[in-house]
Amino acid sequence: MEMPHIMDSEGLNIRIGHSPDPDDAFMFHALTTGAIDTPGRHYEHILLDIQTLNEKALNKEFEISAVSIHSFPKIIDDYALMNCGASMGEGYGPMIIANKQISLEDAKCKTIAIPGKDTSAYLALRLAWGPVNVEVVPFDEILPSVAEGKFDVGLIIHEGQLTWKDEGVCLLLDLGVWWNQKTGLPLPLGGNVVRRNLGEDLCETLANDVKLSIEHSLQNPDTALEFAKMWGRGIDDDTNREFVQMYVNSRTIDYGKDGRAAVRLFLKEGQRIGMIDENIDTDLIEFIGVE
């Protein structure tokens, strides 16, 4: 039987796929820099945009990966969700913007630039607006493309949720606000998954390593924030801190009962509109590391 992970001179080489953005950099800072002890486990970090990470997970490429919650049902047989590492919008989230103030009905008729069809942002868009015309654009090109008029409407994620005000665009809808008003729950966006064929014990160990990394950064924020800023595409210290605090917090250590309920409801809603496999029982979704 082929080993499901790579052995090298340092022991297990665990590949983590995650996004090149401040919140993921902050979350994995301790693992990246060796600030916490992981005996027999060496972590290799591969930085890719979230749409690419979703695609890589279909091929079971990495032992651990950040993925969109929207894409998780496609890999549920091969990966399990960790109970840590969540990116949840607590009454905020991906934003629909336009290059000028237009009605929502007019905006729905435009071609909307989105960061990927497997992203949670796209599922939230479809839940809010129904069928729309979209074009996939790299996430960091959407905001400037709308500002320059290449697209009339765009769906922005990551730090663009804070910097859009400086780009001369208009906010049409914050999907995190919309979801929270609809459900009373946070909006599930991203999660960390671990490959099942590593075995239950190792999956638990790796999930605990990630949890310890998150806790270390929250306990030592200044060092971790300075590291995270390298991935902020020129944002200032205050914006970096604000963005990281939005998506790395106590919820990131533990989804919490309502956070786990939000994941299940989000995917059930996706099933309702035909975007998630109806054969998956969302009530049975497990979270590795729940105490």
C-alpha atoms as a PDB file:
ATOM      1  CA  MET A   1       0.000   0.000   0.000  1.00  0.00           C
ATOM      2  CA  GLU A   2       1.357   3.405  -0.963  1.00  0.00           C
ATOM      3  CA  MET A   3       2.103   5.673   1.998  1.00  0.00           C
ATOM      4  CA  PRO A   4      -0.447   8.495   2.127  1.00  0.00           C
ATOM      5  CA  HIS A   5       2.203  11.003   3.184  1.00  0.00           C
ATOM      6  CA  ILE A   6       5.864  11.695   2.481  1.00  0.00           C
ATOM      7  CA  MET A   7       8.624  10.540   4.793  1.00  0.00           C
ATOM      8  CA  ASP A   8      11.894  12.443   4.811  1.00  0.00           C
ATOM      9  CA  SER A   9      14.869  12.905   7.126  1.00  0.00           C
ATOM     10  CA  GLU A  10      12.748  15.059   9.446  1.00  0.00           C
ATOM     11  CA  GLY A  11       9.921  12.536   9.725  1.00  0.00           C
ATOM     12  CA  LEU A  12       6.540  13.211   8.200  1.00  0.00           C
ATOM     13  CA  ASN A  13       6.455  16.002   5.620  1.00  0.00           C
ATOM     14  CA  ILE A  14       2.963  17.489   5.847  1.00  0.00           C
ATOM     15  CA  ARG A  15       1.948  19.780   3.016  1.00  0.00           C
ATOM     16  CA  ILE A  16      -0.469  22.583   3.888  1.00  0.00           C
ATOM     17  CA  GLY A  17      -2.177  24.394   1.046  1.00  0.00           C
ATOM     18  CA  HIS A  18      -3.485  27.820   1.990  1.00  0.00           C
ATOM     19  CA  SER A  19      -4.226  31.235   0.545  1.00  0.00           C
ATOM     20  CA  PRO A  20      -1.616  33.995   0.187  1.00  0.00           C
ATOM     21  CA  ASP A  21      -3.571  36.395   2.377  1.00  0.00           C
ATOM     22  CA  PRO A  22      -3.037  37.900   5.842  1.00  0.00           C
ATOM     23  CA  ASP A  23      -5.507  35.782   7.810  1.00  0.00           C
ATOM     24  CA  ASP A  24      -4.076  32.446   6.611  1.00  0.00           C
ATOM     25  CA  ALA A  25      -0.518  33.713   7.073  1.00  0.00           C
ATOM     26  CA  PHE A  26      -1.391  34.780  10.617  1.00  0.00           C
ATOM     27  CA  MET A  27      -3.075  31.447  11.344  1.00  0.00           C
ATOM     28  CA  PHE A  28      -0.129  29.340  10.171  1.00  0.00           C
ATOM     29  CA  HIS A  29       2.642  31.663  11.374  1.00  0.00           C
ATOM     30  CA  ALA A  30       3.781  29.379  14.194  1.00  0.00           C
ATOM     31  CA  LEU A  31       3.894  26.314  11.942  1.00  0.00           C
ATOM     32  CA  THR A  32       5.673  28.240   9.185  1.00  0.00           C
ATOM     33  CA  THR A  33       8.366  29.604  11.480  1.00  0.00           C
ATOM     34  CA  GLY A  34       8.710  26.597  13.782  1.00  0.00           C
ATOM     35  CA  ALA A  35       7.528  28.590  16.800  1.00  0.00           C
ATOM     36  CA  ILE A  36       5.744  25.535  18.169  1.00  0.00           C
ATOM     37  CA  ASP A  37       7.186  22.055  18.540  1.00  0.00           C
ATOM     38  CA  THR A  38       5.801  19.379  16.205  1.00  0.00           C
ATOM     39  CA  PRO A  39       8.073  16.372  16.823  1.00  0.00           C
ATOM     40  CA  GLY A  40       8.329  14.075  13.846  1.00  0.00           C
ATOM     41  CA  ARG A  41       6.171  16.372  11.706  1.00  0.00           C
ATOM     42  CA  HIS A  42       7.612  18.953   9.317  1.00  0.00           C
ATOM     43  CA  TYR A  43       5.202  21.342   7.638  1.00  0.00           C
ATOM     44  CA  GLU A  44       5.607  22.566   4.067  1.00  0.00           C
ATOM     45  CA  HIS A  45       3.418  25.517   3.068  1.00  0.00           C
ATOM     46  CA  ILE A  46       2.075  25.866  -0.476  1.00  0.00           C
ATOM     47  CA  LEU A  47       0.384  29.195  -1.161  1.00  0.00           C
ATOM     48  CA  LEU A  48      -2.349  29.237  -3.815  1.00  0.00           C
ATOM     49  CA  ASP A  49      -5.570  31.143  -4.414  1.00  0.00           C
ATOM     50  CA  ILE A  50      -8.697  29.552  -2.973  1.00  0.00           C
ATOM     51  CA  GLN A  51     -10.150  28.429  -6.302  1.00  0.00           C
ATOM     52  CA  THR A  52      -6.907  26.574  -7.108  1.00  0.00           C
ATOM     53  CA  LEU A  53      -6.878  25.024  -3.633  1.00  0.00           C
ATOM     54  CA  ASN A  54     -10.413  23.761  -4.205  1.00  0.00           C
ATOM     55  CA  GLU A  55      -9.272  22.155  -7.463  1.00  0.00           C
ATOM     56  CA  LYS A  56      -6.139  20.639  -5.894  1.00  0.00           C
ATOM     57  CA  ALA A  57      -8.260  19.056  -3.154  1.00  0.00           C
ATOM     58  CA  LEU A  58     -10.224  17.161  -5.795  1.00  0.00           C
ATOM     59  CA  ASN A  59      -6.954  15.374  -6.582  1.00  0.00           C
ATOM     60  CA  LYS A  60      -6.142  14.776  -2.880  1.00  0.00           C
ATOM     61  CA  GLU A  61      -2.914  16.674  -3.431  1.00  0.00           C
ATOM     62  CA  PHE A  62      -2.189  18.019   0.061  1.00  0.00           C
ATOM     63  CA  GLU A  63      -2.410  16.439   3.490  1.00  0.00           C
ATOM     64  CA  ILE A  64      -4.009  19.630   4.869  1.00  0.00           C
ATOM     65  CA  SER A  65      -5.684  22.350   2.862  1.00  0.00           C
ATOM     66  CA  ALA A  66      -7.774  25.441   3.221  1.00  0.00           C
ATOM     67  CA  VAL A  67     -10.879  25.054   1.059  1.00  0.00           C
ATOM     68  CA  SER A  68     -14.142  26.834   0.459  1.00  0.00           C
ATOM     69  CA  ILE A  69     -17.027  25.418   2.469  1.00  0.00           C
ATOM     70  CA  HIS A  70     -18.958  25.433  -0.815  1.00  0.00           C
ATOM     71  CA  SER A  71     -16.453  22.989  -2.328  1.00  0.00           C
ATOM     72  CA  PHE A  72     -16.253  20.671   0.685  1.00  0.00           C
ATOM     73  CA  PRO A  73     -19.074  18.289  -0.395  1.00  0.00           C
ATOM     74  CA  LYS A  74     -17.061  17.425  -3.513  1.00  0.00           C
ATOM     75  CA  ILE A  75     -14.191  16.109  -1.381  1.00  0.00           C
ATOM     76  CA  ILE A  76     -16.086  14.819   1.647  1.00  0.00           C
ATOM     77  CA  ASP A  77     -15.122  11.184   0.942  1.00  0.00           C
ATOM     78  CA  ASP A  78     -11.401  12.033   0.985  1.00  0.00           C
ATOM     79  CA  TYR A  79     -11.156  14.886   3.499  1.00  0.00           C
ATOM     80  CA  ALA A  80     -12.627  15.744   6.888  1.00  0.00           C
ATOM     81  CA  LEU A  81     -13.209  19.250   8.217  1.00  0.00           C
ATOM     82  CA  MET A  82     -11.080  20.337  11.145  1.00  0.00           C
ATOM     83  CA  ASN A  83     -12.949  22.011  13.982  1.00  0.00           C
ATOM     84  CA  CYS A  84     -10.280  24.727  13.875  1.00  0.00           C
ATOM     85  CA  GLY A  85      -9.229  27.075  11.104  1.00  0.00           C
ATOM     86  CA  ALA A  86     -12.661  28.390  10.172  1.00  0.00           C
ATOM     87  CA  SER A  87     -13.095  31.657   8.305  1.00  0.00           C
ATOM     88  CA  MET A  88     -16.546  32.868   9.289  1.00  0.00           C
ATOM     89  CA  GLY A  89     -18.213  36.170   8.495  1.00  0.00           C
ATOM     90  CA  GLU A  90     -19.697  37.412  11.759  1.00  0.00           C
ATOM     91  CA  GLY A  91     -22.242  39.730  10.154  1.00  0.00           C
ATOM     92  CA  TYR A  92     -19.835  40.609   7.335  1.00  0.00           C
ATOM     93  CA  GLY A  93     -18.417  38.766   4.359  1.00  0.00           C
ATOM     94  CA  PRO A  94     -17.840  38.867   0.600  1.00  0.00           C
ATOM     95  CA  MET A  95     -19.190  42.012  -1.011  1.00  0.00           C
ATOM     96  CA  ILE A  96     -20.943  42.756  -4.272  1.00  0.00           C
ATOM     97  CA  ILE A  97     -19.602  46.041  -5.636  1.00  0.00           C
ATOM     98  CA  ALA A  98     -20.265  48.156  -8.724  1.00  0.00           C
ATOM     99  CA  ASN A  99     -18.386  50.923 -10.504  1.00  0.00           C
ATOM    100  CA  LYS A 100     -21.379  53.215 -10.017  1.00  0.00           C
ATOM    101  CA  GLN A 101     -24.529  53.250  -7.944  1.00  0.00           C
ATOM    102  CA  ILE A 102     -27.116  51.084  -9.671  1.00  0.00           C
ATOM    103  CA  SER A 103     -30.197  49.219  -8.500  1.00  0.00           C
ATOM    104  CA  LEU A 104     -29.881  45.623  -7.379  1.00  0.00           C
ATOM    105  CA  GLU A 105     -32.197  44.555 -10.182  1.00  0.00           C
ATOM    106  CA  ASP A 106     -29.966  46.222 -12.789  1.00  0.00           C
ATOM    107  CA  ALA A 107     -26.862  44.720 -11.172  1.00  0.00           C
ATOM    108  CA  LYS A 108     -28.334  41.228 -11.394  1.00  0.00           C
ATOM    109  CA  CYS A 109     -28.484  41.629 -15.188  1.00  0.00           C
ATOM    110  CA  LYS A 110     -24.766  42.442 -15.499  1.00  0.00           C
ATOM    111  CA  THR A 111     -21.881  40.012 -15.903  1.00  0.00           C
ATOM    112  CA  ILE A 112     -20.419  39.703 -12.420  1.00  0.00           C
ATOM    113  CA  ALA A 113     -16.689  39.110 -11.866  1.00  0.00           C
ATOM    114  CA  ILE A 114     -16.296  36.338  -9.279  1.00  0.00           C
ATOM    115  CA  PRO A 115     -13.235  34.667  -7.703  1.00  0.00           C
ATOM    116  CA  GLY A 116     -14.307  31.131  -8.639  1.00  0.00           C
ATOM    117  CA  LYS A 117     -17.384  28.951  -9.015  1.00  0.00           C
ATOM    118  CA  ASP A 118     -16.359  26.691  -6.130  1.00  0.00           C
ATOM    119  CA  THR A 119     -15.946  29.565  -3.688  1.00  0.00           C
ATOM    120  CA  SER A 120     -18.322  30.131  -0.804  1.00  0.00           C
ATOM    121  CA  ALA A 121     -18.656  33.709  -2.001  1.00  0.00           C
ATOM    122  CA  TYR A 122     -20.230  32.458  -5.238  1.00  0.00           C
ATOM    123  CA  LEU A 123     -22.641  30.144  -3.409  1.00  0.00           C
ATOM    124  CA  ALA A 124     -23.678  33.027  -1.157  1.00  0.00           C
ATOM    125  CA  LEU A 125     -24.173  35.210  -4.236  1.00  0.00           C
ATOM    126  CA  ARG A 126     -26.423  32.584  -5.823  1.00  0.00           C
ATOM    127  CA  LEU A 127     -28.404  32.134  -2.618  1.00  0.00           C
ATOM    128  CA  ALA A 128     -28.979  35.873  -2.425  1.00  0.00           C
ATOM    129  CA  TRP A 129     -29.545  36.716  -6.097  1.00  0.00           C
ATOM    130  CA  GLY A 130     -30.436  33.476  -7.843  1.00  0.00           C
ATOM    131  CA  PRO A 131     -29.090  32.651 -11.330  1.00  0.00           C
ATOM    132  CA  VAL A 132     -26.712  35.344 -12.620  1.00  0.00           C
ATOM    133  CA  ASN A 133     -24.154  35.700 -15.405  1.00  0.00           C
ATOM    134  CA  VAL A 134     -20.596  35.470 -14.068  1.00  0.00           C
ATOM    135  CA  GLU A 135     -17.014  35.440 -15.226  1.00  0.00           C
ATOM    136  CA  VAL A 136     -14.199  33.979 -13.153  1.00  0.00           C
ATOM    137  CA  VAL A 137     -11.414  36.504 -12.484  1.00  0.00           C
ATOM    138  CA  PRO A 138      -8.396  36.155 -10.130  1.00  0.00           C
ATOM    139  CA  PHE A 139      -9.572  37.464  -6.763  1.00  0.00           C
ATOM    140  CA  ASP A 140      -6.986  40.248  -6.567  1.00  0.00           C
ATOM    141  CA  GLU A 141      -7.963  41.582 -10.008  1.00  0.00           C
ATOM    142  CA  ILE A 142     -11.698  41.943  -9.349  1.00  0.00           C
ATOM    143  CA  LEU A 143     -11.622  45.217  -7.406  1.00  0.00           C
ATOM    144  CA  PRO A 144      -9.368  47.075  -9.885  1.00  0.00           C
ATOM    145  CA  SER A 145     -11.305  45.600 -12.825  1.00  0.00           C
ATOM    146  CA  VAL A 146     -14.555  47.028 -11.493  1.00  0.00           C
ATOM    147  CA  ALA A 147     -12.933  50.353 -10.606  1.00  0.00           C
ATOM    148  CA  GLU A 148     -11.530  50.618 -14.154  1.00  0.00           C
ATOM    149  CA  GLY A 149     -14.847  49.689 -15.767  1.00  0.00           C
ATOM    150  CA  LYS A 150     -13.799  46.326 -17.201  1.00  0.00           C
ATOM    151  CA  PHE A 151     -16.740  44.912 -15.245  1.00  0.00           C
ATOM    152  CA  ASP A 152     -19.768  46.762 -13.973  1.00  0.00           C
ATOM    153  CA  VAL A 153     -20.183  44.457 -10.975  1.00  0.00           C
ATOM    154  CA  GLY A 154     -17.789  42.287  -8.980  1.00  0.00           C
ATOM    155  CA  LEU A 155     -17.716  39.972  -5.983  1.00  0.00           C
ATOM    156  CA  ILE A 156     -14.784  40.770  -3.706  1.00  0.00           C
ATOM    157  CA  ILE A 157     -13.134  38.704  -0.958  1.00  0.00           C
ATOM    158  CA  HIS A 158     -10.068  38.984   1.316  1.00  0.00           C
ATOM    159  CA  GLU A 159      -8.757  42.449   2.184  1.00  0.00           C
ATOM    160  CA  GLY A 160     -10.796  44.050  -0.601  1.00  0.00           C
ATOM    161  CA  GLN A 161     -13.658  43.950   1.892  1.00  0.00           C
ATOM    162  CA  LEU A 162     -11.851  46.753   3.725  1.00  0.00           C
ATOM    163  CA  THR A 163     -10.056  48.612   0.929  1.00  0.00           C
ATOM    164  CA  TRP A 164     -12.967  49.002  -1.524  1.00  0.00           C
ATOM    165  CA  LYS A 165     -13.873  52.396  -0.041  1.00  0.00           C
ATOM    166  CA  ASP A 166     -10.603  53.846  -1.355  1.00  0.00           C
ATOM    167  CA  GLU A 167     -11.100  52.560  -4.908  1.00  0.00           C
ATOM    168  CA  GLY A 168     -14.050  54.666  -6.054  1.00  0.00           C
ATOM    169  CA  VAL A 169     -16.545  51.799  -6.206  1.00  0.00           C
ATOM    170  CA  CYS A 170     -19.985  51.386  -4.653  1.00  0.00           C
ATOM    171  CA  LEU A 171     -21.131  48.677  -2.255  1.00  0.00           C
ATOM    172  CA  LEU A 172     -24.328  46.980  -3.384  1.00  0.00           C
ATOM    173  CA  LEU A 173     -24.611  44.149  -0.866  1.00  0.00           C
ATOM    174  CA  ASP A 174     -22.541  42.636   1.939  1.00  0.00           C
ATOM    175  CA  LEU A 175     -23.384  38.942   1.731  1.00  0.00           C
ATOM    176  CA  GLY A 176     -22.364  38.362   5.342  1.00  0.00           C
ATOM    177  CA  VAL A 177     -24.927  40.922   6.476  1.00  0.00           C
ATOM    178  CA  TRP A 178     -27.550  39.383   4.182  1.00  0.00           C
ATOM    179  CA  TRP A 179     -26.914  35.845   5.510  1.00  0.00           C
ATOM    180  CA  ASN A 180     -26.915  36.943   9.147  1.00  0.00           C
ATOM    181  CA  GLN A 181     -30.209  38.782   8.716  1.00  0.00           C
ATOM    182  CA  LYS A 182     -31.683  35.723   7.020  1.00  0.00           C
ATOM    183  CA  THR A 183     -30.443  33.063   9.465  1.00  0.00           C
ATOM    184  CA  GLY A 184     -29.044  34.729  12.571  1.00  0.00           C
ATOM    185  CA  LEU A 185     -25.839  32.763  11.989  1.00  0.00           C
ATOM    186  CA  PRO A 186     -22.297  33.591  10.813  1.00  0.00           C
ATOM    187  CA  LEU A 187     -21.540  33.023   7.132  1.00  0.00           C
ATOM    188  CA  PRO A 188     -19.250  29.997   6.585  1.00  0.00           C
ATOM    189  CA  LEU A 189     -16.560  30.840   4.052  1.00  0.00           C
ATOM    190  CA  GLY A 190     -13.420  28.749   4.427  1.00  0.00           C
ATOM    191  CA  GLY A 191     -12.308  25.768   6.441  1.00  0.00           C
ATOM    192  CA  ASN A 192      -9.273  23.565   6.934  1.00  0.00           C
ATOM    193  CA  VAL A 193      -9.513  19.946   5.851  1.00  0.00           C
ATOM    194  CA  VAL A 194      -7.278  16.966   6.556  1.00  0.00           C
ATOM    195  CA  ARG A 195      -6.957  13.921   4.318  1.00  0.00           C
ATOM    196  CA  ARG A 196      -8.769  10.904   5.718  1.00  0.00           C
ATOM    197  CA  ASN A 197      -6.309   8.275   4.524  1.00  0.00           C
ATOM    198  CA  LEU A 198      -3.758   9.545   7.038  1.00  0.00           C
ATOM    199  CA  GLY A 199      -5.747   7.681   9.662  1.00  0.00           C
ATOM    200  CA  GLU A 200      -7.890   8.957  12.515  1.00  0.00           C
ATOM    201  CA  ASP A 201      -5.076   9.353  15.050  1.00  0.00           C
ATOM    202  CA  LEU A 202      -2.806  11.357  12.751  1.00  0.00           C
ATOM    203  CA  CYS A 203      -5.736  13.507  11.586  1.00  0.00           C
ATOM    204  CA  GLU A 204      -6.417  14.388  15.226  1.00  0.00           C
ATOM    205  CA  THR A 205      -2.731  15.178  15.807  1.00  0.00           C
ATOM    206  CA  LEU A 206      -2.499  17.434  12.749  1.00  0.00           C
ATOM    207  CA  ALA A 207      -5.697  19.237  13.696  1.00  0.00           C
ATOM    208  CA  ASN A 208      -4.240  19.873  17.133  1.00  0.00           C
ATOM    209  CA  ASP A 209      -1.026  21.254  15.575  1.00  0.00           C
ATOM    210  CA  VAL A 210      -3.088  23.713  13.542  1.00  0.00           C
ATOM    211  CA  LYS A 211      -5.119  24.684  16.611  1.00  0.00           C
ATOM    212  CA  LEU A 212      -1.921  25.311  18.595  1.00  0.00           C
ATOM    213  CA  SER A 213      -0.597  27.467  15.737  1.00  0.00           C
ATOM    214  CA  ILE A 214      -3.741  29.599  15.757  1.00  0.00           C
ATOM    215  CA  GLU A 215      -3.630  29.952  19.545  1.00  0.00           C
ATOM    216  CA  HIS A 216       0.055  30.916  19.422  1.00  0.00           C
ATOM    217  CA  SER A 217      -0.633  33.747  16.968  1.00  0.00           C
ATOM    218  CA  LEU A 218      -3.582  35.033  18.975  1.00  0.00           C
ATOM    219  CA  GLN A 219      -1.378  35.034  22.086  1.00  0.00           C
ATOM    220  CA  ASN A 220       1.550  36.684  20.245  1.00  0.00           C
ATOM    221  CA  PRO A 221      -0.264  38.949  17.780  1.00  0.00           C
ATOM    222  CA  ASP A 222       2.412  41.552  17.070  1.00  0.00           C
ATOM    223  CA  THR A 223       4.942  39.103  15.614  1.00  0.00           C
ATOM    224  CA  ALA A 224       2.274  37.177  13.723  1.00  0.00           C
ATOM    225  CA  LEU A 225       0.704  40.378  12.343  1.00  0.00           C
ATOM    226  CA  GLU A 226       4.047  41.613  11.046  1.00  0.00           C
ATOM    227  CA  PHE A 227       4.471  38.287   9.266  1.00  0.00           C
ATOM    228  CA  ALA A 228       0.882  38.381   7.951  1.00  0.00           C
ATOM    229  CA  LYS A 229       1.323  41.865   6.479  1.00  0.00           C
ATOM    230  CA  MET A 230       3.706  40.473   3.866  1.00  0.00           C
ATOM    231  CA  TRP A 231       0.675  38.893   2.197  1.00  0.00           C
ATOM    232  CA  GLY A 232      -1.583  41.951   2.361  1.00  0.00           C
ATOM    233  CA  ARG A 233      -0.763  43.440  -1.057  1.00  0.00           C
ATOM    234  CA  GLY A 234       0.360  46.775   0.355  1.00  0.00           C
ATOM    235  CA  ILE A 235      -2.212  47.276   3.119  1.00  0.00           C
ATOM    236  CA  ASP A 236      -1.220  49.383   6.130  1.00  0.00           C
ATOM    237  CA  ASP A 237      -0.821  48.118   9.690  1.00  0.00           C
ATOM    238  CA  ASP A 238      -4.295  49.134  10.843  1.00  0.00           C
ATOM    239  CA  THR A 239      -6.022  47.496   7.875  1.00  0.00           C
ATOM    240  CA  ASN A 240      -3.905  44.380   8.313  1.00  0.00           C
ATOM    241  CA  ARG A 241      -4.870  44.112  11.977  1.00  0.00           C
ATOM    242  CA  GLU A 242      -8.554  44.758  11.283  1.00  0.00           C
ATOM    243  CA  PHE A 243      -8.722  42.182   8.495  1.00  0.00           C
ATOM    244  CA  VAL A 244      -6.932  39.487  10.496  1.00  0.00           C
ATOM    245  CA  GLN A 245      -9.176  40.082  13.508  1.00  0.00           C
ATOM    246  CA  MET A 246     -12.215  39.667  11.251  1.00  0.00           C
ATOM    247  CA  TYR A 247     -11.255  36.141  10.272  1.00  0.00           C
ATOM    248  CA  VAL A 248      -8.895  34.812  12.968  1.00  0.00           C
ATOM    249  CA  ASN A 249     -10.510  34.830  16.401  1.00  0.00           C
ATOM    250  CA  SER A 250     -12.080  32.488  18.947  1.00  0.00           C
ATOM    251  CA  ARG A 251     -14.290  31.099  16.168  1.00  0.00           C
ATOM    252  CA  THR A 252     -11.123  30.030  14.347  1.00  0.00           C
ATOM    253  CA  ILE A 253     -10.031  27.949  17.326  1.00  0.00           C
ATOM    254  CA  ASP A 254     -13.448  26.268  17.548  1.00  0.00           C
ATOM    255  CA  TYR A 255     -16.378  26.638  15.138  1.00  0.00           C
ATOM    256  CA  GLY A 256     -18.712  26.454  18.096  1.00  0.00           C
ATOM    257  CA  LYS A 257     -22.117  24.792  18.018  1.00  0.00           C
ATOM    258  CA  ASP A 258     -23.691  27.639  16.035  1.00  0.00           C
ATOM    259  CA  GLY A 259     -20.737  27.732  13.631  1.00  0.00           C
ATOM    260  CA  ARG A 260     -21.112  24.037  12.886  1.00  0.00           C
ATOM    261  CA  ALA A 261     -24.859  24.577  12.459  1.00  0.00           C
ATOM    262  CA  ALA A 262     -24.102  27.411  10.024  1.00  0.00           C
ATOM    263  CA  VAL A 263     -21.935  25.123   7.874  1.00  0.00           C
ATOM    264  CA  ARG A 264     -24.689  22.518   7.690  1.00  0.00           C
ATOM    265  CA  LEU A 265     -27.377  25.094   6.891  1.00  0.00           C
ATOM    266  CA  PHE A 266     -25.238  26.819   4.243  1.00  0.00           C
ATOM    267  CA  LEU A 267     -24.763  23.519   2.432  1.00  0.00           C
ATOM    268  CA  LYS A 268     -28.436  22.574   2.848  1.00  0.00           C
ATOM    269  CA  GLU A 269     -29.359  25.871   1.223  1.00  0.00           C
ATOM    270  CA  GLY A 270     -26.949  25.017  -1.570  1.00  0.00           C
ATOM    271  CA  GLN A 271     -28.759  21.697  -2.028  1.00  0.00           C
ATOM    272  CA  ARG A 272     -32.074  23.552  -2.196  1.00  0.00           C
ATOM    273  CA  ILE A 273     -30.933  25.533  -5.240  1.00  0.00           C
ATOM    274  CA  GLY A 274     -29.194  22.568  -6.889  1.00  0.00           C
ATOM    275  CA  MET A 275     -25.591  23.651  -6.300  1.00  0.00           C
ATOM    276  CA  ILE A 276     -24.689  20.964  -3.752  1.00  0.00           C
ATOM    277  CA  ASP A 277     -25.065  17.192  -4.170  1.00  0.00           C
ATOM    278  CA  GLU A 278     -28.477  16.339  -2.726  1.00  0.00           C
ATOM    279  CA  ASN A 279     -27.280  12.867  -1.663  1.00  0.00           C
ATOM    280  CA  ILE A 280     -24.990  14.263   1.044  1.00  0.00           C
ATOM    281  CA  ASP A 281     -26.495  14.228   4.531  1.00  0.00           C
ATOM    282  CA  THR A 282     -25.237  17.525   5.886  1.00  0.00           C
ATOM    283  CA  ASP A 283     -26.388  16.590   9.398  1.00  0.00           C
ATOM    284  CA  LEU A 284     -23.698  13.896   9.476  1.00  0.00           C
ATOM    285  CA  ILE A 285     -20.767  16.211   8.643  1.00  0.00           C
ATOM    286  CA  GLU A 286     -18.035  15.620  11.246  1.00  0.00           C
ATOM    287  CA  PHE A 287     -15.524  18.129  12.588  1.00  0.00           C
ATOM    288  CA  ILE A 288     -12.138  16.699  13.590  1.00  0.00           C
ATOM    289  CA  GLY A 289     -11.109  17.932  17.036  1.00  0.00           C
ATOM    290  CA  VAL A 290     -14.490  18.713  18.605  1.00  0.00           C
ATOM    291  CA  GLU A 291     -14.101  18.377  22.356  1.00  0.00           C
END
